[in-house]
PDB file of N, CA and C in Angstrom:
ATOM      1  N   MET A   1     -73.358 -96.164 -73.558  1.00  0.00           N
ATOM      2  CA  MET A   1     -72.469 -95.348 -74.141  1.00  0.00           C
ATOM      3  C   MET A   1     -72.567 -95.341 -75.655  1.00  0.00           C
ATOM      4  N   THR A   2     -72.414 -94.262 -76.291  1.00  0.00           N
ATOM      5  CA  THR A   2     -72.308 -94.286 -77.857  1.00  0.00           C
ATOM      6  C   THR A   2     -70.799 -94.462 -78.096  1.00  0.00           C
ATOM      7  N   SER A   3     -70.587 -94.680 -79.593  1.00  0.00           N
ATOM      8  CA  SER A   3     -69.285 -94.644 -80.020  1.00  0.00           C
ATOM      9  C   SER A   3     -68.464 -93.333 -79.818  1.00  0.00           C
ATOM     10  N   PHE A   4     -69.329 -92.227 -79.982  1.00  0.00           N
ATOM     11  CA  PHE A   4     -68.689 -90.921 -79.779  1.00  0.00           C
ATOM     12  C   PHE A   4     -68.223 -90.713 -78.316  1.00  0.00           C
ATOM     13  N   ASP A   5     -69.003 -91.236 -77.222  1.00  0.00           N
ATOM     14  CA  ASP A   5     -68.649 -91.221 -75.851  1.00  0.00           C
ATOM     15  C   ASP A   5     -67.322 -92.080 -75.527  1.00  0.00           C
ATOM     16  N   ASN A   6     -67.376 -93.234 -76.278  1.00  0.00           N
ATOM     17  CA  ASN A   6     -66.009 -94.097 -75.931  1.00  0.00           C
ATOM     18  C   ASN A   6     -64.839 -93.522 -76.655  1.00  0.00           C
ATOM     19  N   ARG A   7     -64.935 -92.801 -77.726  1.00  0.00           N
ATOM     20  CA  ARG A   7     -63.817 -92.240 -78.366  1.00  0.00           C
ATOM     21  C   ARG A   7     -63.331 -91.014 -77.447  1.00  0.00           C
ATOM     22  N   GLU A   8     -64.428 -90.227 -76.981  1.00  0.00           N
ATOM     23  CA  GLU A   8     -64.015 -89.201 -76.049  1.00  0.00           C
ATOM     24  C   GLU A   8     -63.306 -89.626 -74.904  1.00  0.00           C
ATOM     25  N   LYS A   9     -63.885 -90.646 -74.387  1.00  0.00           N
ATOM     26  CA  LYS A   9     -63.114 -91.184 -72.973  1.00  0.00           C
ATOM     27  C   LYS A   9     -61.770 -91.800 -73.557  1.00  0.00           C
ATOM     28  N   ALA A  10     -61.437 -92.462 -74.574  1.00  0.00           N
ATOM     29  CA  ALA A  10     -60.210 -92.916 -74.952  1.00  0.00           C
ATOM     30  C   ALA A  10     -59.346 -91.821 -75.049  1.00  0.00           C
ATOM     31  N   PHE A  11     -59.791 -90.439 -75.798  1.00  0.00           N
ATOM     32  CA  PHE A  11     -58.864 -89.341 -76.055  1.00  0.00           C
ATOM     33  C   PHE A  11     -58.697 -88.946 -74.520  1.00  0.00           C
ATOM     34  N   GLU A  12     -59.530 -88.823 -73.622  1.00  0.00           N
ATOM     35  CA  GLU A  12     -59.371 -88.246 -72.163  1.00  0.00           C
ATOM     36  C   GLU A  12     -58.211 -89.098 -71.579  1.00  0.00           C
ATOM     37  N   ASP A  13     -58.310 -90.505 -71.742  1.00  0.00           N
ATOM     38  CA  ASP A  13     -57.513 -91.418 -71.059  1.00  0.00           C
ATOM     39  C   ASP A  13     -55.984 -91.307 -71.742  1.00  0.00           C
ATOM     40  N   MET A  14     -56.020 -90.976 -72.956  1.00  0.00           N
ATOM     41  CA  MET A  14     -54.661 -90.846 -73.589  1.00  0.00           C
ATOM     42  C   MET A  14     -54.021 -89.563 -73.096  1.00  0.00           C
ATOM     43  N   TYR A  15     -54.734 -88.500 -73.175  1.00  0.00           N
ATOM     44  CA  TYR A  15     -54.152 -87.336 -72.674  1.00  0.00           C
ATOM     45  C   TYR A  15     -53.640 -87.376 -71.255  1.00  0.00           C
ATOM     46  N   ALA A  16     -54.532 -88.030 -70.305  1.00  0.00           N
ATOM     47  CA  ALA A  16     -53.993 -88.172 -68.866  1.00  0.00           C
ATOM     48  C   ALA A  16     -52.715 -89.010 -68.911  1.00  0.00           C
ATOM     49  N   HIS A  17     -52.608 -90.070 -69.765  1.00  0.00           N
ATOM     50  CA  HIS A  17     -51.446 -90.951 -69.742  1.00  0.00           C
ATOM     51  C   HIS A  17     -50.243 -90.147 -70.373  1.00  0.00           C
ATOM     52  N   ASP A  18     -50.525 -89.277 -71.335  1.00  0.00           N
ATOM     53  CA  ASP A  18     -49.372 -88.645 -71.843  1.00  0.00           C
ATOM     54  C   ASP A  18     -48.832 -87.403 -70.894  1.00  0.00           C
ATOM     55  N   ALA A  19     -49.807 -86.944 -70.146  1.00  0.00           N
ATOM     56  CA  ALA A  19     -49.475 -85.768 -69.200  1.00  0.00           C
ATOM     57  C   ALA A  19     -48.752 -86.422 -68.088  1.00  0.00           C
ATOM     58  N   ASP A  20     -49.057 -87.609 -67.618  1.00  0.00           N
ATOM     59  CA  ASP A  20     -48.374 -88.296 -66.562  1.00  0.00           C
ATOM     60  C   ASP A  20     -46.961 -88.772 -67.020  1.00  0.00           C
ATOM     61  N   LEU A  21     -46.899 -89.274 -68.105  1.00  0.00           N
ATOM     62  CA  LEU A  21     -45.579 -89.582 -68.720  1.00  0.00           C
ATOM     63  C   LEU A  21     -44.527 -88.513 -68.816  1.00  0.00           C
ATOM     64  N   ARG A  22     -45.026 -87.403 -69.289  1.00  0.00           N
ATOM     65  CA  ARG A  22     -44.302 -86.069 -69.377  1.00  0.00           C
ATOM     66  C   ARG A  22     -43.917 -85.689 -68.077  1.00  0.00           C
ATOM     67  N   PHE A  23     -44.802 -85.639 -67.017  1.00  0.00           N
ATOM     68  CA  PHE A  23     -44.296 -85.266 -65.701  1.00  0.00           C
ATOM     69  C   PHE A  23     -43.238 -86.273 -65.247  1.00  0.00           C
ATOM     70  N   LYS A  24     -43.408 -87.517 -65.462  1.00  0.00           N
ATOM     71  CA  LYS A  24     -42.292 -88.374 -65.002  1.00  0.00           C
ATOM     72  C   LYS A  24     -41.012 -88.151 -65.690  1.00  0.00           C
ATOM     73  N   VAL A  25     -40.941 -87.866 -67.034  1.00  0.00           N
ATOM     74  CA  VAL A  25     -39.762 -87.740 -67.769  1.00  0.00           C
ATOM     75  C   VAL A  25     -39.156 -86.387 -67.515  1.00  0.00           C
ATOM     76  N   LEU A  26     -40.052 -85.459 -67.152  1.00  0.00           N
ATOM     77  CA  LEU A  26     -39.553 -84.243 -66.694  1.00  0.00           C
ATOM     78  C   LEU A  26     -38.661 -84.236 -65.329  1.00  0.00           C
ATOM     79  N   ALA A  27     -39.377 -85.028 -64.414  1.00  0.00           N
ATOM     80  CA  ALA A  27     -38.755 -85.301 -63.175  1.00  0.00           C
ATOM     81  C   ALA A  27     -37.451 -85.944 -63.225  1.00  0.00           C
ATOM     82  N   ARG A  28     -37.332 -86.950 -64.056  1.00  0.00           N
ATOM     83  CA  ARG A  28     -36.226 -87.743 -64.296  1.00  0.00           C
ATOM     84  C   ARG A  28     -35.149 -86.947 -64.900  1.00  0.00           C
ATOM     85  N   ARG A  29     -35.524 -86.085 -66.129  1.00  0.00           N
ATOM     86  CA  ARG A  29     -34.579 -85.067 -66.426  1.00  0.00           C
ATOM     87  C   ARG A  29     -34.012 -84.178 -65.590  1.00  0.00           C
ATOM     88  N   ASP A  30     -34.784 -83.600 -64.564  1.00  0.00           N
ATOM     89  CA  ASP A  30     -34.315 -82.738 -63.555  1.00  0.00           C
ATOM     90  C   ASP A  30     -33.293 -83.606 -62.571  1.00  0.00           C
ATOM     91  N   LYS A  31     -33.650 -84.838 -62.311  1.00  0.00           N
ATOM     92  CA  LYS A  31     -32.578 -85.650 -61.381  1.00  0.00           C
ATOM     93  C   LYS A  31     -31.396 -85.798 -62.126  1.00  0.00           C
ATOM     94  N   LEU A  32     -31.330 -86.077 -63.594  1.00  0.00           N
ATOM     95  CA  LEU A  32     -30.161 -86.239 -64.210  1.00  0.00           C
ATOM     96  C   LEU A  32     -29.467 -84.929 -64.387  1.00  0.00           C
ATOM     97  N   VAL A  33     -30.210 -83.929 -64.537  1.00  0.00           N
ATOM     98  CA  VAL A  33     -29.446 -82.631 -64.695  1.00  0.00           C
ATOM     99  C   VAL A  33     -28.770 -82.254 -63.019  1.00  0.00           C
ATOM    100  N   GLY A  34     -29.525 -82.609 -62.100  1.00  0.00           N
ATOM    101  CA  GLY A  34     -29.143 -82.299 -60.745  1.00  0.00           C
ATOM    102  C   GLY A  34     -27.999 -82.992 -60.528  1.00  0.00           C
ATOM    103  N   LEU A  35     -27.803 -84.295 -60.897  1.00  0.00           N
ATOM    104  CA  LEU A  35     -26.584 -85.158 -60.764  1.00  0.00           C
ATOM    105  C   LEU A  35     -25.445 -84.646 -61.496  1.00  0.00           C
ATOM    106  N   TRP A  36     -25.656 -84.076 -62.688  1.00  0.00           N
ATOM    107  CA  TRP A  36     -24.651 -83.419 -63.541  1.00  0.00           C
ATOM    108  C   TRP A  36     -24.122 -82.146 -62.830  1.00  0.00           C
ATOM    109  N   ALA A  37     -25.037 -81.385 -62.296  1.00  0.00           N
ATOM    110  CA  ALA A  37     -24.610 -80.290 -61.602  1.00  0.00           C
ATOM    111  C   ALA A  37     -23.774 -80.393 -60.404  1.00  0.00           C
ATOM    112  N   ALA A  38     -24.341 -81.527 -59.667  1.00  0.00           N
ATOM    113  CA  ALA A  38     -23.639 -81.852 -58.429  1.00  0.00           C
ATOM    114  C   ALA A  38     -22.065 -82.382 -58.774  1.00  0.00           C
ATOM    115  N   GLY A  39     -21.984 -83.065 -59.920  1.00  0.00           N
ATOM    116  CA  GLY A  39     -20.661 -83.345 -60.330  1.00  0.00           C
ATOM    117  C   GLY A  39     -19.826 -82.109 -60.530  1.00  0.00           C
ATOM    118  N   GLN A  40     -20.390 -81.098 -61.086  1.00  0.00           N
ATOM    119  CA  GLN A  40     -19.837 -79.825 -61.502  1.00  0.00           C
ATOM    120  C   GLN A  40     -19.353 -79.154 -60.158  1.00  0.00           C
ATOM    121  N   LEU A  41     -20.167 -79.305 -59.132  1.00  0.00           N
ATOM    122  CA  LEU A  41     -19.905 -78.577 -57.740  1.00  0.00           C
ATOM    123  C   LEU A  41     -19.032 -79.519 -56.917  1.00  0.00           C
ATOM    124  N   GLY A  42     -18.616 -80.620 -57.422  1.00  0.00           N
ATOM    125  CA  GLY A  42     -17.758 -81.677 -56.703  1.00  0.00           C
ATOM    126  C   GLY A  42     -18.289 -82.340 -55.554  1.00  0.00           C
ATOM    127  N   LYS A  43     -19.602 -82.553 -55.480  1.00  0.00           N
ATOM    128  CA  LYS A  43     -20.326 -83.192 -54.497  1.00  0.00           C
ATOM    129  C   LYS A  43     -20.068 -84.610 -54.658  1.00  0.00           C
ATOM    130  N   GLY A  44     -20.006 -85.319 -53.440  1.00  0.00           N
ATOM    131  CA  GLY A  44     -20.052 -86.839 -53.304  1.00  0.00           C
ATOM    132  C   GLY A  44     -21.321 -87.501 -53.784  1.00  0.00           C
ATOM    133  N   GLU A  45     -21.226 -88.730 -53.976  1.00  0.00           N
ATOM    134  CA  GLU A  45     -22.235 -89.358 -54.291  1.00  0.00           C
ATOM    135  C   GLU A  45     -23.657 -89.364 -53.586  1.00  0.00           C
ATOM    136  N   ALA A  46     -23.608 -89.229 -52.086  1.00  0.00           N
ATOM    137  CA  ALA A  46     -24.816 -89.004 -51.321  1.00  0.00           C
ATOM    138  C   ALA A  46     -25.282 -87.724 -51.294  1.00  0.00           C
ATOM    139  N   ASP A  47     -24.330 -86.692 -51.314  1.00  0.00           N
ATOM    140  CA  ASP A  47     -24.769 -85.262 -51.405  1.00  0.00           C
ATOM    141  C   ASP A  47     -25.096 -84.840 -52.868  1.00  0.00           C
ATOM    142  N   ALA A  48     -24.821 -85.743 -53.882  1.00  0.00           N
ATOM    143  CA  ALA A  48     -25.210 -85.500 -55.451  1.00  0.00           C
ATOM    144  C   ALA A  48     -26.642 -85.852 -55.314  1.00  0.00           C
ATOM    145  N   ALA A  49     -27.145 -87.060 -54.731  1.00  0.00           N
ATOM    146  CA  ALA A  49     -28.497 -87.438 -54.774  1.00  0.00           C
ATOM    147  C   ALA A  49     -29.406 -86.514 -54.143  1.00  0.00           C
ATOM    148  N   GLU A  50     -28.904 -85.917 -52.999  1.00  0.00           N
ATOM    149  CA  GLU A  50     -29.759 -85.014 -52.238  1.00  0.00           C
ATOM    150  C   GLU A  50     -30.046 -83.549 -53.090  1.00  0.00           C
ATOM    151  N   TYR A  51     -28.852 -83.256 -53.696  1.00  0.00           N
ATOM    152  CA  TYR A  51     -28.940 -81.906 -54.468  1.00  0.00           C
ATOM    153  C   TYR A  51     -29.723 -82.249 -55.578  1.00  0.00           C
ATOM    154  N   ALA A  52     -29.822 -83.351 -56.297  1.00  0.00           N
ATOM    155  CA  ALA A  52     -30.579 -83.714 -57.321  1.00  0.00           C
ATOM    156  C   ALA A  52     -32.086 -83.577 -56.931  1.00  0.00           C
ATOM    157  N   LYS A  53     -32.523 -83.960 -55.851  1.00  0.00           N
ATOM    158  CA  LYS A  53     -33.810 -83.673 -55.302  1.00  0.00           C
ATOM    159  C   LYS A  53     -34.206 -82.294 -55.273  1.00  0.00           C
ATOM    160  N   THR A  54     -33.253 -81.304 -54.849  1.00  0.00           N
ATOM    161  CA  THR A  54     -33.736 -79.989 -54.723  1.00  0.00           C
ATOM    162  C   THR A  54     -33.960 -79.458 -56.138  1.00  0.00           C
ATOM    163  N   ILE A  55     -33.191 -79.992 -57.270  1.00  0.00           N
ATOM    164  CA  ILE A  55     -33.488 -79.590 -58.523  1.00  0.00           C
ATOM    165  C   ILE A  55     -34.805 -80.122 -58.972  1.00  0.00           C
ATOM    166  N   VAL A  56     -35.167 -81.309 -58.701  1.00  0.00           N
ATOM    167  CA  VAL A  56     -36.672 -81.803 -58.980  1.00  0.00           C
ATOM    168  C   VAL A  56     -37.639 -80.902 -58.221  1.00  0.00           C
ATOM    169  N   ALA A  57     -37.341 -80.522 -56.984  1.00  0.00           N
ATOM    170  CA  ALA A  57     -38.419 -79.692 -56.390  1.00  0.00           C
ATOM    171  C   ALA A  57     -38.679 -78.365 -56.896  1.00  0.00           C
ATOM    172  N   ALA A  58     -37.326 -77.870 -57.179  1.00  0.00           N
ATOM    173  CA  ALA A  58     -37.187 -76.452 -57.928  1.00  0.00           C
ATOM    174  C   ALA A  58     -38.206 -76.249 -59.192  1.00  0.00           C
ATOM    175  N   ASP A  59     -38.393 -77.579 -59.890  1.00  0.00           N
ATOM    176  CA  ASP A  59     -39.139 -77.377 -61.071  1.00  0.00           C
ATOM    177  C   ASP A  59     -40.684 -77.570 -60.863  1.00  0.00           C
ATOM    178  N   LEU A  60     -41.126 -77.871 -59.567  1.00  0.00           N
ATOM    179  CA  LEU A  60     -42.272 -77.885 -59.084  1.00  0.00           C
ATOM    180  C   LEU A  60     -42.868 -76.478 -58.697  1.00  0.00           C
ATOM    181  N   ILE A  61     -42.117 -75.524 -58.644  1.00  0.00           N
ATOM    182  CA  ILE A  61     -42.433 -74.157 -58.169  1.00  0.00           C
ATOM    183  C   ILE A  61     -43.275 -73.524 -59.208  1.00  0.00           C
ATOM    184  N   HIS A  62     -42.873 -73.254 -60.324  1.00  0.00           N
ATOM    185  CA  HIS A  62     -43.679 -72.664 -61.406  1.00  0.00           C
ATOM    186  C   HIS A  62     -43.447 -73.633 -62.708  1.00  0.00           C
ATOM    187  N   PRO A  63     -44.679 -73.503 -63.618  1.00  0.00           N
ATOM    188  CA  PRO A  63     -44.448 -74.290 -64.879  1.00  0.00           C
ATOM    189  C   PRO A  63     -43.403 -73.982 -65.656  1.00  0.00           C
ATOM    190  N   GLY A  64     -42.642 -74.901 -66.569  1.00  0.00           N
ATOM    191  CA  GLY A  64     -41.719 -74.367 -67.332  1.00  0.00           C
ATOM    192  C   GLY A  64     -40.210 -74.649 -66.823  1.00  0.00           C
ATOM    193  N   ASP A  65     -39.286 -74.196 -67.710  1.00  0.00           N
ATOM    194  CA  ASP A  65     -37.966 -74.656 -67.084  1.00  0.00           C
ATOM    195  C   ASP A  65     -37.042 -73.496 -66.411  1.00  0.00           C
ATOM    196  N   GLU A  66     -37.772 -72.267 -66.498  1.00  0.00           N
ATOM    197  CA  GLU A  66     -36.829 -71.047 -66.090  1.00  0.00           C
ATOM    198  C   GLU A  66     -36.533 -71.241 -64.459  1.00  0.00           C
ATOM    199  N   ASP A  67     -37.333 -71.919 -63.600  1.00  0.00           N
ATOM    200  CA  ASP A  67     -37.039 -71.910 -62.172  1.00  0.00           C
ATOM    201  C   ASP A  67     -35.849 -72.867 -61.945  1.00  0.00           C
ATOM    202  N   VAL A  68     -35.976 -74.015 -62.724  1.00  0.00           N
ATOM    203  CA  VAL A  68     -34.797 -74.900 -62.826  1.00  0.00           C
ATOM    204  C   VAL A  68     -33.420 -74.216 -63.280  1.00  0.00           C
ATOM    205  N   ILE A  69     -33.623 -73.522 -64.297  1.00  0.00           N
ATOM    206  CA  ILE A  69     -32.307 -72.791 -64.910  1.00  0.00           C
ATOM    207  C   ILE A  69     -31.921 -71.827 -63.817  1.00  0.00           C
ATOM    208  N   ALA A  70     -32.903 -70.978 -63.432  1.00  0.00           N
ATOM    209  CA  ALA A  70     -32.382 -70.010 -62.306  1.00  0.00           C
ATOM    210  C   ALA A  70     -31.637 -70.622 -61.278  1.00  0.00           C
ATOM    211  N   LYS A  71     -32.126 -71.647 -60.600  1.00  0.00           N
ATOM    212  CA  LYS A  71     -31.387 -72.338 -59.365  1.00  0.00           C
ATOM    213  C   LYS A  71     -30.172 -72.925 -59.964  1.00  0.00           C
ATOM    214  N   LEU A  72     -29.900 -73.509 -61.136  1.00  0.00           N
ATOM    215  CA  LEU A  72     -28.775 -73.888 -61.498  1.00  0.00           C
ATOM    216  C   LEU A  72     -27.692 -72.815 -61.779  1.00  0.00           C
ATOM    217  N   GLN A  73     -28.052 -71.686 -62.307  1.00  0.00           N
ATOM    218  CA  GLN A  73     -27.307 -70.552 -62.747  1.00  0.00           C
ATOM    219  C   GLN A  73     -26.760 -70.027 -61.218  1.00  0.00           C
ATOM    220  N   ALA A  74     -27.701 -70.108 -60.435  1.00  0.00           N
ATOM    221  CA  ALA A  74     -27.279 -69.439 -58.984  1.00  0.00           C
ATOM    222  C   ALA A  74     -26.310 -70.324 -58.240  1.00  0.00           C
ATOM    223  N   ASP A  75     -26.583 -71.636 -58.335  1.00  0.00           N
ATOM    224  CA  ASP A  75     -25.738 -72.639 -57.699  1.00  0.00           C
ATOM    225  C   ASP A  75     -24.385 -72.897 -58.404  1.00  0.00           C
ATOM    226  N   LEU A  76     -24.359 -72.878 -59.603  1.00  0.00           N
ATOM    227  CA  LEU A  76     -23.124 -73.126 -60.461  1.00  0.00           C
ATOM    228  C   LEU A  76     -22.360 -71.906 -60.610  1.00  0.00           C
ATOM    229  N   GLY A  77     -22.908 -70.837 -60.693  1.00  0.00           N
ATOM    230  CA  GLY A  77     -22.137 -69.471 -61.059  1.00  0.00           C
ATOM    231  C   GLY A  77     -21.256 -69.712 -62.351  1.00  0.00           C
ATOM    232  N   SER A  78     -20.142 -69.664 -62.166  1.00  0.00           N
ATOM    233  CA  SER A  78     -19.180 -69.455 -63.172  1.00  0.00           C
ATOM    234  C   SER A  78     -18.819 -70.922 -63.702  1.00  0.00           C
ATOM    235  N   LEU A  79     -19.198 -71.955 -63.129  1.00  0.00           N
ATOM    236  CA  LEU A  79     -18.872 -73.231 -63.634  1.00  0.00           C
ATOM    237  C   LEU A  79     -19.591 -73.655 -64.650  1.00  0.00           C
ATOM    238  N   ALA A  80     -20.621 -73.085 -65.040  1.00  0.00           N
ATOM    239  CA  ALA A  80     -21.436 -73.508 -66.373  1.00  0.00           C
ATOM    240  C   ALA A  80     -22.174 -72.075 -66.907  1.00  0.00           C
ATOM    241  N   THR A  81     -22.189 -72.034 -68.293  1.00  0.00           N
ATOM    242  CA  THR A  81     -22.816 -71.037 -68.798  1.00  0.00           C
ATOM    243  C   THR A  81     -24.358 -71.227 -68.916  1.00  0.00           C
ATOM    244  N   ASP A  82     -25.147 -70.423 -69.087  1.00  0.00           N
ATOM    245  CA  ASP A  82     -26.417 -70.394 -69.607  1.00  0.00           C
ATOM    246  C   ASP A  82     -26.694 -71.423 -70.765  1.00  0.00           C
ATOM    247  N   ALA A  83     -26.050 -71.370 -71.658  1.00  0.00           N
ATOM    248  CA  ALA A  83     -26.064 -72.278 -72.698  1.00  0.00           C
ATOM    249  C   ALA A  83     -25.749 -73.751 -72.439  1.00  0.00           C
ATOM    250  N   GLU A  84     -24.663 -73.789 -71.590  1.00  0.00           N
ATOM    251  CA  GLU A  84     -24.357 -75.106 -71.169  1.00  0.00           C
ATOM    252  C   GLU A  84     -25.507 -75.781 -70.428  1.00  0.00           C
ATOM    253  N   ILE A  85     -26.179 -74.950 -69.506  1.00  0.00           N
ATOM    254  CA  ILE A  85     -27.084 -75.438 -68.674  1.00  0.00           C
ATOM    255  C   ILE A  85     -28.309 -75.845 -69.510  1.00  0.00           C
ATOM    256  N   ARG A  86     -28.688 -75.047 -70.406  1.00  0.00           N
ATOM    257  CA  ARG A  86     -29.817 -75.394 -71.318  1.00  0.00           C
ATOM    258  C   ARG A  86     -29.649 -76.459 -72.225  1.00  0.00           C
ATOM    259  N   ALA A  87     -28.295 -76.680 -72.654  1.00  0.00           N
ATOM    260  CA  ALA A  87     -27.868 -77.982 -73.541  1.00  0.00           C
ATOM    261  C   ALA A  87     -27.885 -79.170 -72.557  1.00  0.00           C
ATOM    262  N   GLN A  88     -27.461 -79.013 -71.154  1.00  0.00           N
ATOM    263  CA  GLN A  88     -27.683 -80.131 -70.360  1.00  0.00           C
ATOM    264  C   GLN A  88     -29.004 -80.590 -70.250  1.00  0.00           C
ATOM    265  N   LEU A  89     -29.905 -79.601 -70.121  1.00  0.00           N
ATOM    266  CA  LEU A  89     -31.413 -79.956 -69.889  1.00  0.00           C
ATOM    267  C   LEU A  89     -31.867 -80.733 -71.190  1.00  0.00           C
ATOM    268  N   GLN A  90     -31.569 -80.278 -72.190  1.00  0.00           N
ATOM    269  CA  GLN A  90     -31.932 -80.894 -73.443  1.00  0.00           C
ATOM    270  C   GLN A  90     -31.413 -82.341 -73.526  1.00  0.00           C
ATOM    271  N   THR A  91     -30.162 -82.589 -73.251  1.00  0.00           N
ATOM    272  CA  THR A  91     -29.576 -83.819 -73.301  1.00  0.00           C
ATOM    273  C   THR A  91     -30.038 -84.632 -72.315  1.00  0.00           C
ATOM    274  N   ALA A  92     -30.437 -84.070 -71.207  1.00  0.00           N
ATOM    275  CA  ALA A  92     -30.891 -84.938 -69.919  1.00  0.00           C
ATOM    276  C   ALA A  92     -32.313 -85.327 -70.377  1.00  0.00           C
ATOM    277  N   PHE A  93     -33.291 -84.469 -70.977  1.00  0.00           N
ATOM    278  CA  PHE A  93     -34.466 -84.861 -71.408  1.00  0.00           C
ATOM    279  C   PHE A  93     -34.484 -85.870 -72.438  1.00  0.00           C
ATOM    280  N   ILE A  94     -33.636 -85.983 -73.152  1.00  0.00           N
ATOM    281  CA  ILE A  94     -33.506 -87.122 -74.333  1.00  0.00           C
ATOM    282  C   ILE A  94     -33.183 -88.312 -73.610  1.00  0.00           C
ATOM    283  N   GLU A  95     -32.259 -88.394 -72.622  1.00  0.00           N
ATOM    284  CA  GLU A  95     -31.840 -89.487 -71.881  1.00  0.00           C
ATOM    285  C   GLU A  95     -32.970 -89.964 -70.915  1.00  0.00           C
ATOM    286  N   ALA A  96     -33.733 -89.077 -70.343  1.00  0.00           N
ATOM    287  CA  ALA A  96     -34.896 -89.523 -69.487  1.00  0.00           C
ATOM    288  C   ALA A  96     -36.007 -90.064 -70.423  1.00  0.00           C
ATOM    289  N   GLU A  97     -36.224 -89.605 -71.568  1.00  0.00           N
ATOM    290  CA  GLU A  97     -37.193 -90.257 -72.469  1.00  0.00           C
ATOM    291  C   GLU A  97     -36.642 -91.658 -72.893  1.00  0.00           C
ATOM    292  N   ARG A  98     -35.425 -91.744 -73.127  1.00  0.00           N
ATOM    293  CA  ARG A  98     -34.927 -93.141 -73.523  1.00  0.00           C
ATOM    294  C   ARG A  98     -35.092 -94.060 -72.483  1.00  0.00           C
ATOM    295  N   GLN A  99     -34.736 -93.515 -71.230  1.00  0.00           N
ATOM    296  CA  GLN A  99     -34.845 -94.365 -69.958  1.00  0.00           C
ATOM    297  C   GLN A  99     -36.372 -95.132 -69.830  1.00  0.00           C
ATOM    298  N   TYR A 100     -37.313 -94.063 -69.909  1.00  0.00           N
ATOM    299  CA  TYR A 100     -38.746 -94.600 -69.785  1.00  0.00           C
ATOM    300  C   TYR A 100     -39.071 -95.423 -70.876  1.00  0.00           C
ATOM    301  N   ARG A 101     -38.766 -95.118 -72.104  1.00  0.00           N
ATOM    302  CA  ARG A 101     -39.092 -96.154 -73.180  1.00  0.00           C
ATOM    303  C   ARG A 101     -38.528 -97.379 -73.034  1.00  0.00           C
ATOM    304  N   GLU A 102     -37.323 -97.488 -72.457  1.00  0.00           N
ATOM    305  CA  GLU A 102     -36.733 -98.971 -72.342  1.00  0.00           C
ATOM    306  C   GLU A 102     -37.467 -99.549 -71.116  1.00  0.00           C
ATOM    307  N   ALA A 103     -37.920 -98.886 -70.285  1.00  0.00           N
ATOM    308  CA  ALA A 103     -38.484 -99.265 -68.986  1.00  0.00           C
ATOM    309  C   ALA A 103     -39.914-100.087 -69.355  1.00  0.00           C
ATOM    310  N   VAL A 104     -40.389 -99.632 -70.390  1.00  0.00           N
ATOM    311  CA  VAL A 104     -41.935 -99.940 -70.714  1.00  0.00           C
ATOM    312  C   VAL A 104     -41.847-101.363 -71.510  1.00  0.00           C
TER     313      VAL A 104
END
């Protein structure tokens, strides 16, 4: 292998690692948002964990956040505004990143 091939392989590996990390952080974010929403809905601990799984699954339907936002809006109704949901997604993303950085 040439040094160019080695460098190309290193970039491919880095890209794959970054994509995997982003997927894990987004899944953690969705779980955290799901737990928040479950609290808004008055769900108990066991029900909250199950509800959070539905939020994680909703994010796998289409790329981007709109599927998660739509599910949360439908489930929460008047309990949270669109702005509150989007702010919670941002807060949860920051927390999920922090949790992964601490775990490494």
